[in-house]
Amino acid sequence: MRKFILAALSVLFISSVAYAEEIATLRGGTPLDEEPQAPLMLKEENADIKRVRNYPEQPPTIPHKIAGYQVDLNANKCMSCHSRRATETSQAPMISITHFMNRDNQFLASVSPRRYFCTQCHVSQNEAKPLVENTFVDVDDVIASEE
């Protein structure tokens, strides 16, 4: 019985080693004791063009560079253009009214603390090809195709 168990374990070990060689890893072929070359940073989009959303309830993406923006407990650079008072001079869209609601759906005079950190939901875009094909169809297109 012991010989059978040892033989089975050795077959499993050999097959797992062979299988492990086929697995693609984030390190590529770089050995563990070496540091792999970092990929180049992609260029951040700065078009200021409002994008179509890819799925229902998607937060709008940020259409401009935000490098160096301070968004922490002390300050929120986004609000210098997107607050209620600043939109008249900046011509930037005002943040959604939902950002002024607390957890009980009551409206506040200022931005809700749970909606204060913009980059928690909103992201800037890089000039890159999509990694996965998007098959989302907007509801307006679905209705138009049925008519």
N, C-alpha and C. Protein backbone atom coordinates (compact mmCIF):
# COMPACT_ATOMS: atom_id res chain seq x y z
N MET A 1 0.82 -1.20 0.00
CA MET A 1 0.00 0.00 0.00
C MET A 1 0.87 1.26 0.00
N ARG A 2 1.96 1.23 0.77
CA ARG A 2 2.85 2.39 0.83
C ARG A 2 3.46 2.69 -0.53
N LYS A 3 3.85 1.63 -1.24
CA LYS A 3 4.45 1.82 -2.56
C LYS A 3 3.45 2.46 -3.51
N PHE A 4 2.20 2.07 -3.42
CA PHE A 4 1.17 2.63 -4.28
C PHE A 4 0.98 4.12 -3.98
N ILE A 5 0.93 4.49 -2.70
CA ILE A 5 0.76 5.89 -2.31
C ILE A 5 1.96 6.71 -2.76
N LEU A 6 3.17 6.19 -2.56
CA LEU A 6 4.37 6.91 -3.01
C LEU A 6 4.37 7.07 -4.53
N ALA A 7 3.99 6.04 -5.25
CA ALA A 7 3.94 6.13 -6.71
C ALA A 7 2.91 7.16 -7.15
N ALA A 8 1.74 7.16 -6.51
CA ALA A 8 0.69 8.12 -6.86
C ALA A 8 1.14 9.55 -6.57
N LEU A 9 1.78 9.75 -5.42
CA LEU A 9 2.27 11.09 -5.06
C LEU A 9 3.35 11.56 -6.02
N SER A 10 4.24 10.67 -6.43
CA SER A 10 5.30 11.08 -7.36
C SER A 10 4.71 11.42 -8.72
N VAL A 11 3.69 10.69 -9.16
CA VAL A 11 3.03 11.02 -10.43
C VAL A 11 2.36 12.39 -10.33
N LEU A 12 1.68 12.64 -9.22
CA LEU A 12 1.04 13.94 -9.01
C LEU A 12 2.06 15.06 -8.98
N PHE A 13 3.18 14.85 -8.32
CA PHE A 13 4.23 15.86 -8.23
C PHE A 13 4.80 16.16 -9.61
N ILE A 14 5.12 15.13 -10.37
CA ILE A 14 5.71 15.31 -11.70
C ILE A 14 4.71 16.02 -12.62
N SER A 15 3.45 15.63 -12.56
CA SER A 15 2.46 16.28 -13.42
C SER A 15 2.21 17.72 -13.00
N SER A 16 2.28 17.99 -11.69
CA SER A 16 2.09 19.38 -11.25
C SER A 16 3.26 20.25 -11.65
N VAL A 17 4.48 19.72 -11.65
CA VAL A 17 5.65 20.48 -12.09
C VAL A 17 5.52 20.78 -13.58
N ALA A 18 5.12 19.80 -14.37
CA ALA A 18 4.95 20.00 -15.81
C ALA A 18 3.83 21.01 -16.07
N TYR A 19 2.78 20.94 -15.30
CA TYR A 19 1.66 21.86 -15.47
C TYR A 19 2.07 23.27 -15.06
N ALA A 20 2.87 23.40 -13.99
CA ALA A 20 3.28 24.71 -13.49
C ALA A 20 4.13 25.45 -14.52
N GLU A 21 4.86 24.74 -15.35
CA GLU A 21 5.68 25.39 -16.35
C GLU A 21 4.83 26.05 -17.42
N GLU A 22 3.60 25.61 -17.61
CA GLU A 22 2.73 26.15 -18.63
C GLU A 22 1.95 27.37 -18.14
N ILE A 23 1.91 27.62 -16.85
CA ILE A 23 1.12 28.71 -16.29
C ILE A 23 1.84 30.03 -16.51
N ALA A 24 1.12 31.01 -17.04
CA ALA A 24 1.67 32.35 -17.22
C ALA A 24 1.56 33.10 -15.90
N THR A 25 2.62 33.74 -15.48
CA THR A 25 2.61 34.48 -14.23
C THR A 25 2.84 35.96 -14.50
N LEU A 26 2.58 36.78 -13.50
CA LEU A 26 2.82 38.21 -13.63
C LEU A 26 4.31 38.53 -13.73
N ARG A 27 5.14 37.64 -13.24
CA ARG A 27 6.59 37.86 -13.30
C ARG A 27 7.15 37.52 -14.68
N GLY A 28 6.37 36.86 -15.52
CA GLY A 28 6.89 36.41 -16.82
C GLY A 28 7.92 35.33 -16.57
N GLY A 29 9.05 35.41 -17.25
CA GLY A 29 10.09 34.41 -17.07
C GLY A 29 11.18 34.87 -16.12
N THR A 30 10.96 35.95 -15.39
CA THR A 30 11.97 36.49 -14.49
C THR A 30 12.12 35.62 -13.25
N PRO A 31 13.34 35.21 -12.91
CA PRO A 31 13.55 34.41 -11.70
C PRO A 31 13.17 35.21 -10.44
N LEU A 32 12.89 34.50 -9.36
CA LEU A 32 12.45 35.14 -8.11
C LEU A 32 13.51 36.05 -7.50
N ASP A 33 14.78 35.77 -7.74
CA ASP A 33 15.83 36.58 -7.12
C ASP A 33 16.18 37.82 -7.95
N GLU A 34 15.45 38.08 -9.04
CA GLU A 34 15.68 39.26 -9.88
C GLU A 34 14.42 40.11 -9.93
N GLU A 35 14.62 41.39 -10.15
CA GLU A 35 13.49 42.32 -10.26
C GLU A 35 13.15 42.48 -11.74
N PRO A 36 11.89 42.20 -12.15
CA PRO A 36 11.54 42.34 -13.57
C PRO A 36 11.48 43.80 -14.00
N GLN A 37 11.65 44.04 -15.28
CA GLN A 37 11.56 45.39 -15.83
C GLN A 37 10.11 45.86 -15.73
N ALA A 38 9.87 47.02 -15.17
CA ALA A 38 8.51 47.56 -15.02
C ALA A 38 7.98 47.99 -16.38
N PRO A 39 6.68 47.77 -16.64
CA PRO A 39 6.12 48.22 -17.92
C PRO A 39 6.06 49.75 -17.96
N LEU A 40 6.09 50.31 -19.14
CA LEU A 40 6.01 51.75 -19.29
C LEU A 40 4.64 52.25 -18.84
N MET A 41 4.62 53.42 -18.23
CA MET A 41 3.35 54.03 -17.84
C MET A 41 2.66 54.55 -19.09
N LEU A 42 1.36 54.30 -19.20
CA LEU A 42 0.61 54.78 -20.35
C LEU A 42 0.30 56.26 -20.18
N LYS A 43 0.12 56.92 -21.30
CA LYS A 43 -0.18 58.34 -21.29
C LYS A 43 -1.61 58.56 -20.81
N GLU A 44 -1.79 59.49 -19.88
CA GLU A 44 -3.13 59.77 -19.35
C GLU A 44 -3.88 60.66 -20.34
N GLU A 45 -5.14 60.30 -20.62
CA GLU A 45 -5.96 61.08 -21.52
C GLU A 45 -6.24 62.46 -20.94
N ASN A 46 -6.29 63.46 -21.81
CA ASN A 46 -6.57 64.82 -21.36
C ASN A 46 -7.44 65.52 -22.41
N ALA A 47 -8.53 64.86 -22.82
CA ALA A 47 -9.35 65.36 -23.92
C ALA A 47 -10.51 66.24 -23.47
N ASP A 48 -10.89 66.18 -22.21
CA ASP A 48 -12.05 66.91 -21.69
C ASP A 48 -13.31 66.65 -22.51
N ILE A 49 -13.47 65.41 -22.97
CA ILE A 49 -14.66 65.01 -23.71
C ILE A 49 -15.46 64.05 -22.85
N LYS A 50 -16.73 64.34 -22.69
CA LYS A 50 -17.60 63.47 -21.90
C LYS A 50 -17.78 62.14 -22.63
N ARG A 51 -17.51 61.04 -21.96
CA ARG A 51 -17.60 59.72 -22.57
C ARG A 51 -18.96 59.08 -22.32
N VAL A 52 -19.35 58.21 -23.25
CA VAL A 52 -20.56 57.40 -23.07
C VAL A 52 -20.24 56.36 -22.01
N ARG A 53 -21.19 56.05 -21.17
CA ARG A 53 -20.97 55.05 -20.12
C ARG A 53 -21.08 53.66 -20.69
N ASN A 54 -20.34 52.73 -20.12
CA ASN A 54 -20.28 51.36 -20.62
C ASN A 54 -21.30 50.43 -20.00
N TYR A 55 -21.89 50.82 -18.90
CA TYR A 55 -22.90 49.98 -18.25
C TYR A 55 -23.77 50.86 -17.37
N PRO A 56 -24.98 50.40 -17.05
CA PRO A 56 -25.88 51.21 -16.22
C PRO A 56 -25.25 51.52 -14.86
N GLU A 57 -25.48 52.70 -14.38
CA GLU A 57 -25.00 53.16 -13.07
C GLU A 57 -23.48 53.32 -13.01
N GLN A 58 -22.80 53.34 -14.14
CA GLN A 58 -21.35 53.56 -14.14
C GLN A 58 -21.07 55.00 -13.74
N PRO A 59 -20.15 55.22 -12.79
CA PRO A 59 -19.77 56.60 -12.48
C PRO A 59 -19.06 57.21 -13.68
N PRO A 60 -19.27 58.47 -13.97
CA PRO A 60 -18.57 59.09 -15.10
C PRO A 60 -17.05 59.00 -14.91
N THR A 61 -16.36 58.80 -16.02
CA THR A 61 -14.89 58.79 -15.95
C THR A 61 -14.38 60.22 -15.96
N ILE A 62 -13.16 60.41 -15.52
CA ILE A 62 -12.56 61.74 -15.46
C ILE A 62 -11.88 61.99 -16.80
N PRO A 63 -12.31 63.01 -17.56
CA PRO A 63 -11.77 63.23 -18.91
C PRO A 63 -10.52 64.11 -18.97
N HIS A 64 -9.85 64.29 -17.83
CA HIS A 64 -8.66 65.15 -17.83
C HIS A 64 -7.63 64.61 -16.85
N LYS A 65 -6.42 65.12 -16.93
CA LYS A 65 -5.36 64.67 -16.03
C LYS A 65 -5.65 65.11 -14.60
N ILE A 66 -5.31 64.25 -13.64
CA ILE A 66 -5.50 64.59 -12.23
C ILE A 66 -4.23 64.39 -11.43
N ALA A 67 -3.11 64.20 -12.11
CA ALA A 67 -1.84 64.02 -11.41
C ALA A 67 -1.56 65.24 -10.56
N GLY A 68 -1.23 65.04 -9.32
CA GLY A 68 -0.94 66.13 -8.41
C GLY A 68 -2.16 66.69 -7.70
N TYR A 69 -3.35 66.18 -7.98
CA TYR A 69 -4.55 66.65 -7.30
C TYR A 69 -4.54 66.14 -5.86
N GLN A 70 -4.82 67.01 -4.93
CA GLN A 70 -4.90 66.62 -3.53
C GLN A 70 -6.35 66.27 -3.22
N VAL A 71 -6.57 65.01 -2.87
CA VAL A 71 -7.90 64.56 -2.44
C VAL A 71 -7.66 63.73 -1.19
N ASP A 72 -7.76 64.40 -0.04
CA ASP A 72 -7.57 63.72 1.25
C ASP A 72 -8.43 64.41 2.29
N LEU A 73 -8.21 64.10 3.56
CA LEU A 73 -9.02 64.69 4.63
C LEU A 73 -8.91 66.20 4.70
N ASN A 74 -7.79 66.75 4.22
CA ASN A 74 -7.56 68.19 4.35
C ASN A 74 -8.10 69.00 3.17
N ALA A 75 -8.12 68.43 1.98
CA ALA A 75 -8.53 69.19 0.80
C ALA A 75 -9.04 68.26 -0.29
N ASN A 76 -9.85 68.82 -1.18
CA ASN A 76 -10.35 68.09 -2.35
C ASN A 76 -10.26 69.01 -3.55
N LYS A 77 -9.23 68.84 -4.35
CA LYS A 77 -8.98 69.69 -5.52
C LYS A 77 -10.13 69.61 -6.52
N CYS A 78 -10.81 68.48 -6.62
CA CYS A 78 -11.91 68.32 -7.58
C CYS A 78 -13.00 69.36 -7.33
N MET A 79 -13.23 69.67 -6.07
CA MET A 79 -14.31 70.58 -5.71
C MET A 79 -14.03 72.02 -6.13
N SER A 80 -12.77 72.35 -6.47
CA SER A 80 -12.47 73.71 -6.92
C SER A 80 -13.12 74.01 -8.27
N CYS A 81 -13.50 72.99 -9.03
CA CYS A 81 -14.21 73.18 -10.30
C CYS A 81 -15.62 72.59 -10.30
N HIS A 82 -15.83 71.50 -9.57
CA HIS A 82 -17.08 70.76 -9.66
C HIS A 82 -18.07 71.02 -8.53
N SER A 83 -17.74 71.92 -7.60
CA SER A 83 -18.70 72.25 -6.52
C SER A 83 -19.82 73.11 -7.09
N ARG A 84 -20.89 73.23 -6.32
CA ARG A 84 -22.03 74.03 -6.77
C ARG A 84 -21.64 75.46 -7.10
N ARG A 85 -20.81 76.06 -6.28
CA ARG A 85 -20.42 77.46 -6.46
C ARG A 85 -19.42 77.66 -7.60
N ALA A 86 -18.57 76.67 -7.85
CA ALA A 86 -17.49 76.84 -8.83
C ALA A 86 -17.91 76.55 -10.26
N THR A 87 -19.00 75.85 -10.48
CA THR A 87 -19.35 75.43 -11.85
C THR A 87 -19.67 76.60 -12.77
N GLU A 88 -20.15 77.71 -12.23
CA GLU A 88 -20.47 78.86 -13.07
C GLU A 88 -19.22 79.43 -13.73
N THR A 89 -18.14 79.51 -12.99
CA THR A 89 -16.91 80.05 -13.57
C THR A 89 -16.05 79.00 -14.26
N SER A 90 -16.08 77.77 -13.79
CA SER A 90 -15.23 76.72 -14.38
C SER A 90 -15.86 76.06 -15.60
N GLN A 91 -17.18 76.13 -15.72
CA GLN A 91 -17.93 75.46 -16.77
C GLN A 91 -17.84 73.93 -16.69
N ALA A 92 -17.37 73.42 -15.57
CA ALA A 92 -17.30 71.97 -15.34
C ALA A 92 -18.67 71.51 -14.85
N PRO A 93 -19.03 70.25 -15.12
CA PRO A 93 -20.32 69.77 -14.61
C PRO A 93 -20.31 69.69 -13.09
N MET A 94 -21.44 70.04 -12.49
CA MET A 94 -21.57 69.96 -11.04
C MET A 94 -21.67 68.49 -10.63
N ILE A 95 -21.14 68.18 -9.46
CA ILE A 95 -21.26 66.81 -8.97
C ILE A 95 -22.74 66.47 -8.80
N SER A 96 -23.04 65.20 -8.90
CA SER A 96 -24.42 64.73 -8.83
C SER A 96 -25.06 65.10 -7.49
N ILE A 97 -26.35 65.34 -7.54
CA ILE A 97 -27.10 65.66 -6.33
C ILE A 97 -27.05 64.50 -5.34
N THR A 98 -26.82 63.28 -5.83
CA THR A 98 -26.71 62.13 -4.94
C THR A 98 -25.50 62.24 -4.01
N HIS A 99 -24.52 63.06 -4.38
CA HIS A 99 -23.33 63.23 -3.55
C HIS A 99 -23.60 64.09 -2.31
N PHE A 100 -24.80 64.68 -2.27
CA PHE A 100 -25.19 65.51 -1.12
C PHE A 100 -26.13 64.75 -0.18
N MET A 101 -26.36 63.47 -0.45
CA MET A 101 -27.29 62.68 0.36
C MET A 101 -26.52 61.84 1.38
N ASN A 102 -27.10 61.74 2.57
CA ASN A 102 -26.48 60.87 3.57
C ASN A 102 -27.05 59.46 3.43
N ARG A 103 -26.70 58.58 4.35
CA ARG A 103 -27.14 57.18 4.26
C ARG A 103 -28.64 57.01 4.42
N ASP A 104 -29.29 57.99 5.00
CA ASP A 104 -30.75 57.93 5.18
C ASP A 104 -31.48 58.65 4.06
N ASN A 105 -30.77 58.97 2.97
CA ASN A 105 -31.31 59.67 1.80
C ASN A 105 -31.84 61.07 2.14
N GLN A 106 -31.26 61.69 3.15
CA GLN A 106 -31.59 63.07 3.47
C GLN A 106 -30.51 63.97 2.86
N PHE A 107 -30.93 65.11 2.30
CA PHE A 107 -29.99 66.00 1.64
C PHE A 107 -29.25 66.86 2.65
N LEU A 108 -27.95 67.03 2.37
CA LEU A 108 -27.07 67.83 3.22
C LEU A 108 -26.74 69.13 2.49
N ALA A 109 -26.22 70.10 3.23
CA ALA A 109 -25.82 71.37 2.63
C ALA A 109 -24.50 71.25 1.87
N SER A 110 -23.68 70.30 2.26
CA SER A 110 -22.39 70.11 1.58
C SER A 110 -22.24 68.63 1.19
N VAL A 111 -21.16 68.31 0.53
CA VAL A 111 -20.93 66.95 0.05
C VAL A 111 -20.88 65.97 1.22
N SER A 112 -21.53 64.86 1.04
CA SER A 112 -21.56 63.82 2.06
C SER A 112 -20.15 63.26 2.28
N PRO A 113 -19.76 63.01 3.51
CA PRO A 113 -18.42 62.46 3.76
C PRO A 113 -18.18 61.13 3.04
N ARG A 114 -19.23 60.37 2.80
CA ARG A 114 -19.03 59.09 2.10
C ARG A 114 -18.84 59.27 0.60
N ARG A 115 -19.05 60.48 0.09
CA ARG A 115 -18.86 60.77 -1.35
C ARG A 115 -17.73 61.78 -1.57
N TYR A 116 -16.94 62.03 -0.55
CA TYR A 116 -15.91 63.08 -0.60
C TYR A 116 -14.68 62.66 -1.40
N PHE A 117 -14.31 61.40 -1.39
CA PHE A 117 -13.10 60.92 -2.05
C PHE A 117 -13.43 60.50 -3.47
N CYS A 118 -13.34 61.42 -4.41
CA CYS A 118 -13.81 61.25 -5.78
C CYS A 118 -13.20 60.04 -6.49
N THR A 119 -11.90 59.84 -6.33
CA THR A 119 -11.22 58.78 -7.07
C THR A 119 -11.53 57.39 -6.53
N GLN A 120 -12.39 57.32 -5.54
CA GLN A 120 -12.86 56.03 -5.06
C GLN A 120 -13.78 55.40 -6.11
N CYS A 121 -14.48 56.23 -6.88
CA CYS A 121 -15.39 55.74 -7.92
C CYS A 121 -15.02 56.25 -9.31
N HIS A 122 -14.58 57.49 -9.40
CA HIS A 122 -14.29 58.11 -10.69
C HIS A 122 -12.81 57.94 -11.00
N VAL A 123 -12.52 57.53 -12.24
CA VAL A 123 -11.13 57.28 -12.63
C VAL A 123 -10.79 58.00 -13.92
N SER A 124 -9.53 58.41 -14.03
CA SER A 124 -9.07 58.98 -15.30
C SER A 124 -8.75 57.83 -16.23
N GLN A 125 -8.61 58.13 -17.51
CA GLN A 125 -8.41 57.09 -18.52
C GLN A 125 -7.02 57.19 -19.13
N ASN A 126 -6.49 56.06 -19.53
CA ASN A 126 -5.23 56.00 -20.25
C ASN A 126 -5.51 55.75 -21.72
N GLU A 127 -4.57 56.15 -22.55
CA GLU A 127 -4.70 55.90 -23.98
C GLU A 127 -4.26 54.47 -24.25
N ALA A 128 -5.17 53.53 -24.06
CA ALA A 128 -4.85 52.11 -24.21
C ALA A 128 -6.00 51.39 -24.90
N LYS A 129 -5.66 50.29 -25.57
CA LYS A 129 -6.70 49.45 -26.19
C LYS A 129 -7.42 48.70 -25.07
N PRO A 130 -8.72 48.47 -25.21
CA PRO A 130 -9.44 47.68 -24.20
C PRO A 130 -8.88 46.27 -24.11
N LEU A 131 -8.77 45.75 -22.90
CA LEU A 131 -8.25 44.40 -22.71
C LEU A 131 -9.30 43.34 -23.02
N VAL A 132 -10.57 43.71 -22.85
CA VAL A 132 -11.68 42.78 -23.06
C VAL A 132 -12.71 43.47 -23.93
N GLU A 133 -13.31 42.72 -24.85
CA GLU A 133 -14.35 43.29 -25.71
C GLU A 133 -15.56 43.66 -24.87
N ASN A 134 -16.14 44.80 -25.14
CA ASN A 134 -17.32 45.26 -24.42
C ASN A 134 -18.55 44.96 -25.26
N THR A 135 -19.47 44.19 -24.71
CA THR A 135 -20.69 43.83 -25.44
C THR A 135 -21.93 44.53 -24.88
N PHE A 136 -21.71 45.55 -24.06
CA PHE A 136 -22.83 46.28 -23.47
C PHE A 136 -23.63 46.97 -24.58
N VAL A 137 -24.96 46.88 -24.48
CA VAL A 137 -25.86 47.55 -25.41
C VAL A 137 -26.74 48.49 -24.60
N ASP A 138 -26.72 49.75 -24.96
CA ASP A 138 -27.51 50.75 -24.26
C ASP A 138 -29.00 50.47 -24.45
N VAL A 139 -29.80 50.81 -23.46
CA VAL A 139 -31.24 50.54 -23.51
C VAL A 139 -31.89 51.24 -24.69
N ASP A 140 -31.42 52.42 -25.08
CA ASP A 140 -31.99 53.13 -26.23
C ASP A 140 -31.77 52.33 -27.51
N ASP A 141 -30.59 51.70 -27.64
CA ASP A 141 -30.30 50.87 -28.82
C ASP A 141 -31.17 49.62 -28.83
N VAL A 142 -31.44 49.05 -27.67
CA VAL A 142 -32.30 47.85 -27.58
C VAL A 142 -33.71 48.20 -28.01
N ILE A 143 -34.23 49.32 -27.53
CA ILE A 143 -35.58 49.75 -27.89
C ILE A 143 -35.66 50.06 -29.38
N ALA A 144 -34.64 50.73 -29.92
CA ALA A 144 -34.64 51.08 -31.35
C ALA A 144 -34.60 49.84 -32.22
N SER A 145 -33.90 48.80 -31.81
CA SER A 145 -33.80 47.58 -32.61
C SER A 145 -35.10 46.78 -32.61
N GLU A 146 -35.94 46.96 -31.58
CA GLU A 146 -37.22 46.25 -31.50
C GLU A 146 -38.31 46.92 -32.33
N GLU A 147 -38.11 48.17 -32.69
CA GLU A 147 -39.15 48.90 -33.44
C GLU A 147 -39.12 48.60 -34.90
